[in-house]
Amino acid sequence: MEYRVDTGGINKYEITPEGYLRAWATIARIGVQTYYNADGTPRRELRPPEEVADPESLASFGLKPHTVDHPPEFLNSENTKLYQTGFTDSTVYYQQGFVNVAISVTDAKAIDEIASGRKRELSAGYTCELDFTPGVWRGQNYDAIQRRIRGNHVSSIEVGRAGPNVKIHIDEMPWVSRPLKKKAFIAKLDNHETAMTVEAKEKIDEQTKDTPPRKTESREDVQARRIKELEARIDDRDSTVNQLREELSTTKTELTQAKTDAATAKSDLEHHKATYDSAIASEVTARIDAWQKAKPFLPKALAQSPDPKMTADEIKRAAVENDNPGVKLDGYNSDRIDGMFEFMLHSKKPKADKTKGIMKAVENAFNAGDAKASRSKAMCDDDKAWMTTN
């Protein structure tokens, strides 16, 4: 946001019963004006007609404080009372390149400075947004364009940026150090025709010859236009609210569907997990069973160091091929491998370990009891031998 000032003047005045100065004023104009960057270099900024005449821009200068010289800060609710010497009227209009408004000056010292000619011109303080697009306007080069112009205050100053046509215009009143006289308004406040000197009007016509004349509006027309603008804004807001309601309804529907999809996905995930876990358990069981049955038929190295990456089919295939030299089961499906493996198990029993019987007998002998008990039993049997009948 940039802060700017533009200048203008007073036209058609009256002195109110309270002693206030009330007059029409030109406070700003279109065209290329020079401002300065922080480093002191100049920057030429264009105030185009479409921005200066924008209804929101014009309305922003209504009912704004009047000051003598620009205050050191932009005005707000906290500092206005320190600088204010009057105010602008609510009706602001654009005509032939100039912004016009009625101003009421309520401070006696400020009125004297205006009447004496010391503060003969006006300068509007405002904010704007700069569009740094250079170009040429009516033969003048510019570096940037002022957009969204919004008024803050209007000041009476000695020499303004916008030239002598932008000032307080007081008909047939020379700028001498004498008090203003009471006189009637030549044009009432609801009449937007501004009387100017022939010389000033010729200069304005020359400066704005390419600008189409703007249709003057009465206060009632302005109010009616503003009412229509407000009604249009209300319609836009109602349309926006309805659109937001529809979007909210759609969002709720989508949220409900998303919750349903999430619940279905969770159920599917649990089902897949259970299936996967079951499949893993079955595969592990199948591998363990295959290793136990195939171990006697596997190559010695593989039997001693099982390969955990081998599937049950691979284990069975290795056992069959090892027990049957020359047999290759490449390309056999699982069912054929299972069949040949089961046939091998039933037709070729592993060789029995002959030492198992001997070891079992020795084990029984050691588990029969101590030697003394065995001798006592044998002697007892001998003593009773005569009682045996043949």
Protein backbone atom coordinates (compact mmCIF):
# COMPACT_ATOMS: atom_id res chain seq x y z
CA MET A 1 0.00 0.00 0.00
CA GLU A 2 1.43 3.36 -1.08
CA TYR A 3 0.63 6.78 0.49
CA ARG A 4 0.15 9.69 -1.90
CA VAL A 5 -1.05 13.30 -2.04
CA ASP A 6 -2.73 15.16 -4.89
CA THR A 7 -3.80 18.79 -5.06
CA GLY A 8 -6.86 20.84 -5.92
CA GLY A 9 -8.77 24.04 -5.00
CA ILE A 10 -11.96 25.72 -3.65
CA ASN A 11 -14.82 27.05 -5.78
CA LYS A 12 -18.14 28.75 -4.89
CA TYR A 13 -18.13 29.64 -1.24
CA GLU A 14 -20.32 30.93 1.53
CA ILE A 15 -19.78 31.99 5.13
CA THR A 16 -22.22 30.20 7.42
CA PRO A 17 -23.88 31.87 10.44
CA GLU A 18 -21.27 30.15 12.59
CA GLY A 19 -18.49 31.79 10.59
CA TYR A 20 -17.46 28.60 8.83
CA LEU A 21 -16.16 28.70 5.27
CA ARG A 22 -18.14 26.36 3.04
CA ALA A 23 -17.13 26.09 -0.61
CA TRP A 24 -16.81 23.81 -3.60
CA ALA A 25 -13.30 22.51 -4.15
CA THR A 26 -11.30 20.59 -6.72
CA ILE A 27 -9.11 18.17 -4.75
CA ALA A 28 -7.45 15.93 -7.34
CA ARG A 29 -7.02 15.30 -11.05
CA ILE A 30 -6.01 12.69 -13.59
CA GLY A 31 -2.63 12.62 -15.33
CA VAL A 32 1.04 11.81 -14.78
CA GLN A 33 2.54 13.16 -11.56
CA THR A 34 6.04 12.86 -10.13
CA TYR A 35 6.80 11.26 -6.76
CA TYR A 36 10.12 10.31 -5.25
CA ASN A 37 11.59 7.01 -4.11
CA ALA A 38 13.31 6.58 -0.76
CA ASP A 39 16.70 7.16 -2.41
CA GLY A 40 15.56 10.48 -3.90
CA THR A 41 15.11 9.29 -7.48
CA PRO A 42 11.89 10.41 -9.21
CA ARG A 43 9.08 8.06 -10.22
CA ARG A 44 6.31 9.23 -12.55
CA GLU A 45 2.94 7.73 -11.68
CA LEU A 46 -0.19 7.77 -13.83
CA ARG A 47 -3.59 8.50 -12.28
CA PRO A 48 -5.83 7.13 -15.09
CA PRO A 49 -9.42 8.37 -15.52
CA GLU A 50 -10.93 4.95 -14.81
CA GLU A 51 -9.22 4.81 -11.39
CA VAL A 52 -9.79 8.44 -10.41
CA ALA A 53 -13.49 8.27 -11.47
CA ASP A 54 -14.08 4.86 -9.87
CA PRO A 55 -17.22 5.13 -7.65
CA GLU A 56 -15.50 3.52 -4.66
CA SER A 57 -12.54 5.86 -5.03
CA LEU A 58 -14.78 8.93 -5.18
CA ALA A 59 -16.88 7.79 -2.23
CA SER A 60 -13.74 7.30 -0.13
CA PHE A 61 -13.07 11.08 -0.19
CA GLY A 62 -16.48 11.90 1.31
CA LEU A 63 -16.72 13.05 4.97
CA LYS A 64 -12.94 13.10 5.39
CA PRO A 65 -11.04 15.56 7.65
CA HIS A 66 -9.70 18.88 6.32
CA THR A 67 -6.33 20.09 7.65
CA VAL A 68 -3.92 22.97 7.11
CA ASP A 69 -0.81 21.37 5.58
CA HIS A 70 -0.44 17.62 5.55
CA PRO A 71 -0.20 16.10 9.02
CA PRO A 72 2.96 14.07 9.76
CA GLU A 73 0.86 10.91 9.85
CA PHE A 74 -2.24 9.55 8.16
CA LEU A 75 -5.38 10.32 10.11
CA ASN A 76 -7.40 7.88 12.18
CA SER A 77 -9.72 7.86 15.19
CA GLU A 78 -6.83 8.43 17.59
CA ASN A 79 -5.08 11.43 15.99
CA THR A 80 -7.68 13.28 13.88
CA LYS A 81 -8.58 15.69 16.70
CA LEU A 82 -4.96 16.95 16.71
CA TYR A 83 -5.05 18.17 13.10
CA GLN A 84 -8.64 18.54 11.85
CA THR A 85 -9.79 22.02 10.78
CA GLY A 86 -12.89 20.99 8.82
CA PHE A 87 -14.35 18.20 6.69
CA THR A 88 -15.47 17.26 3.18
CA ASP A 89 -19.08 16.80 2.14
CA SER A 90 -20.53 13.33 1.48
CA THR A 91 -21.12 14.10 -2.22
CA VAL A 92 -17.98 13.67 -4.32
CA TYR A 93 -18.08 13.68 -8.11
CA TYR A 94 -15.76 13.46 -11.12
CA GLN A 95 -15.94 15.89 -14.03
CA GLN A 96 -13.60 16.39 -16.98
CA GLY A 97 -10.57 14.91 -15.26
CA PHE A 98 -11.07 16.54 -11.84
CA VAL A 99 -12.45 15.30 -8.50
CA ASN A 100 -14.85 17.81 -6.89
CA VAL A 101 -16.35 18.02 -3.40
CA ALA A 102 -17.74 20.64 -1.03
CA ILE A 103 -15.52 21.47 1.95
CA SER A 104 -16.46 23.04 5.28
CA VAL A 105 -13.57 24.77 7.09
CA THR A 106 -14.49 25.27 10.75
CA ASP A 107 -11.23 26.65 12.19
CA ALA A 108 -10.85 30.46 12.19
CA LYS A 109 -7.08 30.44 11.71
CA ALA A 110 -7.40 28.04 8.79
CA ILE A 111 -10.07 30.28 7.19
CA ASP A 112 -7.76 33.31 7.52
CA GLU A 113 -4.87 31.46 5.87
CA ILE A 114 -7.12 30.44 2.98
CA ALA A 115 -8.54 33.95 2.59
CA SER A 116 -5.09 35.56 2.71
CA GLY A 117 -3.82 33.35 -0.09
CA ARG A 118 -1.10 31.70 2.00
CA LYS A 119 -2.86 28.32 1.72
CA ARG A 120 -4.28 28.85 -1.74
CA GLU A 121 -4.26 25.24 -3.01
CA LEU A 122 -5.57 21.87 -1.84
CA SER A 123 -3.84 18.52 -1.57
CA ALA A 124 -5.61 15.21 -1.03
CA GLY A 125 -3.88 12.54 1.08
CA TYR A 126 -4.74 9.01 0.04
CA THR A 127 -3.53 5.42 -0.30
CA CYS A 128 -3.17 3.45 -3.51
CA GLU A 129 -1.73 0.27 -4.93
CA LEU A 130 1.03 0.70 -7.53
CA ASP A 131 1.00 -1.30 -10.75
CA PHE A 132 4.59 -1.11 -11.98
CA THR A 133 3.70 -1.29 -15.67
CA PRO A 134 5.42 1.55 -17.57
CA GLY A 135 3.88 3.23 -20.59
CA VAL A 136 2.97 6.51 -22.30
CA TRP A 137 -0.19 8.51 -21.60
CA ARG A 138 -1.00 11.51 -23.83
CA GLY A 139 2.66 11.82 -24.77
CA GLN A 140 3.93 11.56 -21.20
CA ASN A 141 6.02 8.62 -20.02
CA TYR A 142 5.13 7.00 -16.70
CA ASP A 143 6.74 4.30 -14.54
CA ALA A 144 3.71 3.01 -12.60
CA ILE A 145 -0.09 3.23 -12.41
CA GLN A 146 -2.07 4.10 -9.29
CA ARG A 147 -4.83 1.55 -8.55
CA ARG A 148 -7.52 1.36 -5.82
CA ILE A 149 -7.20 5.00 -4.76
CA ARG A 150 -8.72 5.58 -1.28
CA GLY A 151 -8.99 9.01 0.41
CA ASN A 152 -7.73 9.82 3.93
CA HIS A 153 -7.80 13.62 4.28
CA VAL A 154 -7.72 16.93 2.33
CA SER A 155 -5.21 19.68 3.22
CA SER A 156 -4.90 23.37 2.39
CA ILE A 157 -1.31 24.06 1.31
CA GLU A 158 0.74 26.77 -0.42
CA VAL A 159 1.69 25.05 -3.69
CA GLY A 160 0.30 21.71 -4.77
CA ARG A 161 1.56 18.98 -7.00
CA ALA A 162 -1.43 19.07 -9.35
CA GLY A 163 -1.13 22.74 -10.31
CA PRO A 164 -3.16 25.92 -9.81
CA ASN A 165 -6.39 24.47 -11.23
CA VAL A 166 -6.61 22.16 -8.24
CA LYS A 167 -7.52 24.56 -5.45
CA ILE A 168 -10.24 26.31 -3.46
CA HIS A 169 -12.15 28.36 -6.04
CA ILE A 170 -13.75 31.53 -4.69
CA ASP A 171 -15.54 33.48 -7.44
CA GLU A 172 -14.16 36.99 -8.06
CA MET A 173 -12.30 36.86 -4.77
CA PRO A 174 -8.69 38.04 -5.16
CA TRP A 175 -6.18 36.31 -2.93
CA VAL A 176 -5.48 39.24 -0.65
CA SER A 177 -5.21 39.49 3.07
CA ARG A 178 -8.74 40.49 3.89
CA PRO A 179 -11.67 38.54 5.36
CA LEU A 180 -14.14 36.73 3.18
CA LYS A 181 -17.54 38.33 2.75
CA LYS A 182 -20.79 36.53 3.13
CA LYS A 183 -22.32 35.68 -0.21
CA ALA A 184 -24.89 33.23 -1.49
CA PHE A 185 -23.98 29.96 -3.07
CA ILE A 186 -24.11 30.42 -6.83
CA ALA A 187 -24.64 26.70 -7.15
CA LYS A 188 -26.37 24.74 -4.40
CA LEU A 189 -24.73 21.64 -3.00
CA ASP A 190 -27.00 19.26 -4.86
CA ASN A 191 -26.09 20.92 -8.19
CA HIS A 192 -22.80 19.53 -9.48
CA GLU A 193 -22.14 22.15 -12.14
CA THR A 194 -18.99 23.99 -11.06
CA ALA A 195 -18.51 27.58 -12.24
CA MET A 196 -14.90 28.25 -13.24
CA THR A 197 -13.08 31.10 -14.87
CA VAL A 198 -12.81 31.03 -18.65
CA GLU A 199 -9.04 30.63 -18.48
CA ALA A 200 -9.24 27.71 -16.05
CA LYS A 201 -11.99 26.03 -18.05
CA GLU A 202 -9.99 26.34 -21.27
CA LYS A 203 -7.02 24.71 -19.58
CA ILE A 204 -9.21 21.89 -18.26
CA ASP A 205 -10.81 21.38 -21.67
CA GLU A 206 -7.34 21.19 -23.24
CA GLN A 207 -6.09 18.70 -20.62
CA THR A 208 -9.14 16.50 -20.78
CA LYS A 209 -10.22 16.79 -24.42
CA ASP A 210 -9.91 13.01 -24.88
CA THR A 211 -11.98 12.27 -21.78
CA PRO A 212 -15.72 11.90 -22.45
CA PRO A 213 -17.87 14.20 -20.30
CA ARG A 214 -19.35 12.56 -17.24
CA LYS A 215 -23.07 12.83 -16.76
CA THR A 216 -23.83 14.92 -13.70
CA GLU A 217 -25.87 13.33 -10.96
CA SER A 218 -28.11 14.85 -8.37
CA ARG A 219 -27.78 13.83 -4.76
CA GLU A 220 -30.88 11.67 -5.17
CA ASP A 221 -29.34 9.97 -8.20
CA VAL A 222 -26.15 9.29 -6.28
CA GLN A 223 -28.07 7.85 -3.36
CA ALA A 224 -30.20 5.72 -5.70
CA ARG A 225 -27.05 4.46 -7.42
CA ARG A 226 -25.45 3.61 -4.09
CA ILE A 227 -28.60 1.79 -3.01
CA LYS A 228 -28.50 -0.25 -6.21
CA GLU A 229 -24.84 -1.01 -5.61
CA LEU A 230 -25.59 -2.16 -2.07
CA GLU A 231 -28.51 -4.27 -3.28
CA ALA A 232 -26.23 -5.84 -5.89
CA ARG A 233 -23.68 -6.58 -3.18
CA ILE A 234 -26.39 -8.15 -1.02
CA ASP A 235 -27.52 -10.28 -3.97
CA ASP A 236 -23.92 -11.34 -4.52
CA ARG A 237 -23.54 -12.23 -0.87
CA ASP A 238 -26.84 -14.17 -0.89
CA SER A 239 -25.65 -16.04 -3.97
CA THR A 240 -22.35 -16.73 -2.27
CA VAL A 241 -24.10 -17.97 0.89
CA ASN A 242 -26.33 -20.30 -1.16
CA GLN A 243 -23.32 -21.59 -3.04
CA LEU A 244 -21.46 -22.19 0.22
CA ARG A 245 -24.50 -24.04 1.60
CA GLU A 246 -24.60 -26.28 -1.47
CA GLU A 247 -20.87 -26.90 -1.16
CA LEU A 248 -21.32 -27.70 2.54
CA SER A 249 -24.09 -30.18 1.73
CA THR A 250 -21.93 -31.78 -0.94
CA THR A 251 -19.01 -31.92 1.47
CA LYS A 252 -21.17 -33.63 4.12
CA THR A 253 -22.32 -36.21 1.57
CA GLU A 254 -18.74 -36.79 0.47
CA LEU A 255 -17.66 -37.09 4.12
CA THR A 256 -20.35 -39.70 4.80
CA GLN A 257 -19.29 -41.65 1.71
CA ALA A 258 -15.66 -41.35 2.77
CA LYS A 259 -16.50 -42.78 6.21
CA THR A 260 -18.35 -45.69 4.57
CA ASP A 261 -15.43 -46.31 2.21
CA ALA A 262 -13.03 -46.19 5.16
CA ALA A 263 -15.08 -48.74 7.09
CA THR A 264 -15.22 -51.03 4.03
CA ALA A 265 -11.49 -50.62 3.47
CA LYS A 266 -10.81 -51.48 7.11
CA SER A 267 -12.96 -54.61 6.86
CA ASP A 268 -11.23 -55.64 3.64
CA LEU A 269 -7.84 -55.02 5.22
CA GLU A 270 -8.70 -57.19 8.22
CA HIS A 271 -9.98 -59.92 5.90
CA HIS A 272 -6.84 -59.77 3.74
CA LYS A 273 -4.66 -59.78 6.83
CA ALA A 274 -6.41 -62.85 8.20
CA THR A 275 -6.11 -64.58 4.81
CA TYR A 276 -2.44 -63.62 4.57
CA ASP A 277 -1.71 -64.81 8.10
CA SER A 278 -3.48 -68.11 7.37
CA ALA A 279 -1.55 -68.52 4.14
CA ILE A 280 1.75 -67.82 5.91
CA ALA A 281 0.90 -70.30 8.66
CA SER A 282 -0.02 -72.94 6.09
CA GLU A 283 3.19 -72.35 4.13
CA VAL A 284 5.33 -72.60 7.28
CA THR A 285 3.58 -75.80 8.32
CA ALA A 286 4.02 -77.26 4.83
CA ARG A 287 7.74 -76.44 4.82
CA ILE A 288 8.33 -77.96 8.25
CA ASP A 289 6.43 -81.12 7.29
CA ALA A 290 8.37 -81.39 4.01
CA TRP A 291 11.73 -80.98 5.78
CA GLN A 292 10.88 -83.65 8.36
CA LYS A 293 9.76 -86.19 5.74
CA ALA A 294 12.40 -85.40 3.11
CA LYS A 295 15.43 -85.15 5.42
CA PRO A 296 16.53 -88.84 5.01
CA PHE A 297 16.42 -88.46 1.20
CA LEU A 298 18.10 -85.05 0.87
CA PRO A 299 21.78 -84.44 0.06
CA LYS A 300 23.82 -84.52 3.26
CA ALA A 301 24.81 -80.85 3.06
CA LEU A 302 21.22 -79.73 2.58
CA ALA A 303 19.91 -82.03 5.29
CA GLN A 304 22.40 -80.60 7.80
CA SER A 305 21.91 -76.96 6.77
CA PRO A 306 18.33 -76.43 5.55
CA ASP A 307 17.71 -73.47 3.22
CA PRO A 308 14.92 -71.34 4.75
CA LYS A 309 14.12 -69.81 1.34
CA MET A 310 13.10 -73.17 -0.20
CA THR A 311 9.39 -73.83 -0.62
CA ALA A 312 7.76 -77.14 0.25
CA ASP A 313 7.69 -78.13 -3.45
CA GLU A 314 11.41 -77.30 -3.81
CA ILE A 315 12.26 -79.40 -0.76
CA LYS A 316 10.28 -82.41 -2.09
CA ARG A 317 11.78 -82.00 -5.55
CA ALA A 318 15.33 -81.99 -4.12
CA ALA A 319 14.60 -85.18 -2.15
CA VAL A 320 13.15 -87.04 -5.17
CA GLU A 321 15.97 -86.00 -7.52
CA ASN A 322 18.64 -86.91 -4.93
CA ASP A 323 17.14 -90.36 -4.25
CA ASN A 324 16.63 -91.04 -7.96
CA PRO A 325 19.78 -90.08 -9.88
CA GLY A 326 19.02 -89.01 -13.40
CA VAL A 327 15.46 -87.93 -12.59
CA LYS A 328 14.75 -84.26 -13.22
CA LEU A 329 11.47 -82.68 -12.25
CA ASP A 330 11.90 -79.40 -14.21
CA GLY A 331 8.53 -78.08 -15.34
CA TYR A 332 6.53 -80.45 -13.07
CA ASN A 333 3.60 -78.89 -11.30
CA SER A 334 2.95 -79.12 -7.56
CA ASP A 335 0.56 -82.06 -7.81
CA ARG A 336 3.03 -84.24 -9.78
CA ILE A 337 5.87 -83.41 -7.40
CA ASP A 338 3.63 -84.30 -4.41
CA GLY A 339 2.70 -87.61 -6.08
CA MET A 340 6.30 -88.66 -6.75
CA PHE A 341 7.35 -87.57 -3.26
CA GLU A 342 4.61 -89.63 -1.56
CA PHE A 343 5.48 -92.63 -3.78
CA MET A 344 9.10 -92.34 -2.72
CA LEU A 345 8.16 -92.20 0.96
CA HIS A 346 6.06 -95.39 0.75
CA SER A 347 8.33 -97.40 -1.55
CA LYS A 348 11.72 -96.49 -0.12
CA LYS A 349 11.75 -96.57 3.64
CA PRO A 350 14.90 -95.09 5.17
CA LYS A 351 17.43 -97.75 6.32
CA ALA A 352 16.91 -98.88 9.92
CA ASP A 353 19.61 -98.13 12.42
CA LYS A 354 20.79 -101.59 13.69
CA THR A 355 22.39 -100.11 16.77
CA LYS A 356 19.03 -98.97 18.12
CA GLY A 357 18.15 -102.46 19.52
CA ILE A 358 21.44 -102.84 21.30
CA MET A 359 21.17 -99.39 22.79
CA LYS A 360 17.63 -100.11 23.92
CA ALA A 361 18.70 -103.29 25.69
CA VAL A 362 21.52 -101.52 27.44
CA GLU A 363 19.15 -98.78 28.50
CA ASN A 364 16.67 -101.33 29.91
CA ALA A 365 19.43 -103.05 31.76
CA PHE A 366 20.44 -99.87 33.47
CA ASN A 367 16.84 -99.01 34.27
CA ALA A 368 16.02 -102.47 35.79
CA GLY A 369 17.32 -101.57 39.29
CA ASP A 370 20.55 -102.04 41.25
CA ALA A 371 22.65 -105.28 41.10
CA LYS A 372 21.90 -106.33 44.71
CA ALA A 373 18.20 -106.38 44.09
CA SER A 374 18.68 -108.44 40.97
CA ARG A 375 20.85 -111.03 42.87
CA SER A 376 18.30 -111.34 45.69
CA LYS A 377 15.58 -112.00 43.17
CA ALA A 378 17.66 -114.65 41.41
CA MET A 379 18.47 -116.48 44.71
CA CYS A 380 14.86 -116.42 45.69
CA ASP A 381 13.90 -117.98 42.41
CA ASP A 382 16.51 -120.75 42.91
CA ASP A 383 15.18 -121.60 46.39
CA LYS A 384 11.70 -122.10 45.00
CA ALA A 385 12.83 -124.09 42.01
CA TRP A 386 12.12 -127.52 43.74
CA MET A 387 8.49 -126.51 44.11
CA THR A 388 8.07 -126.43 40.41
CA THR A 389 6.21 -129.38 38.98
CA ASN A 390 7.09 -130.73 35.59
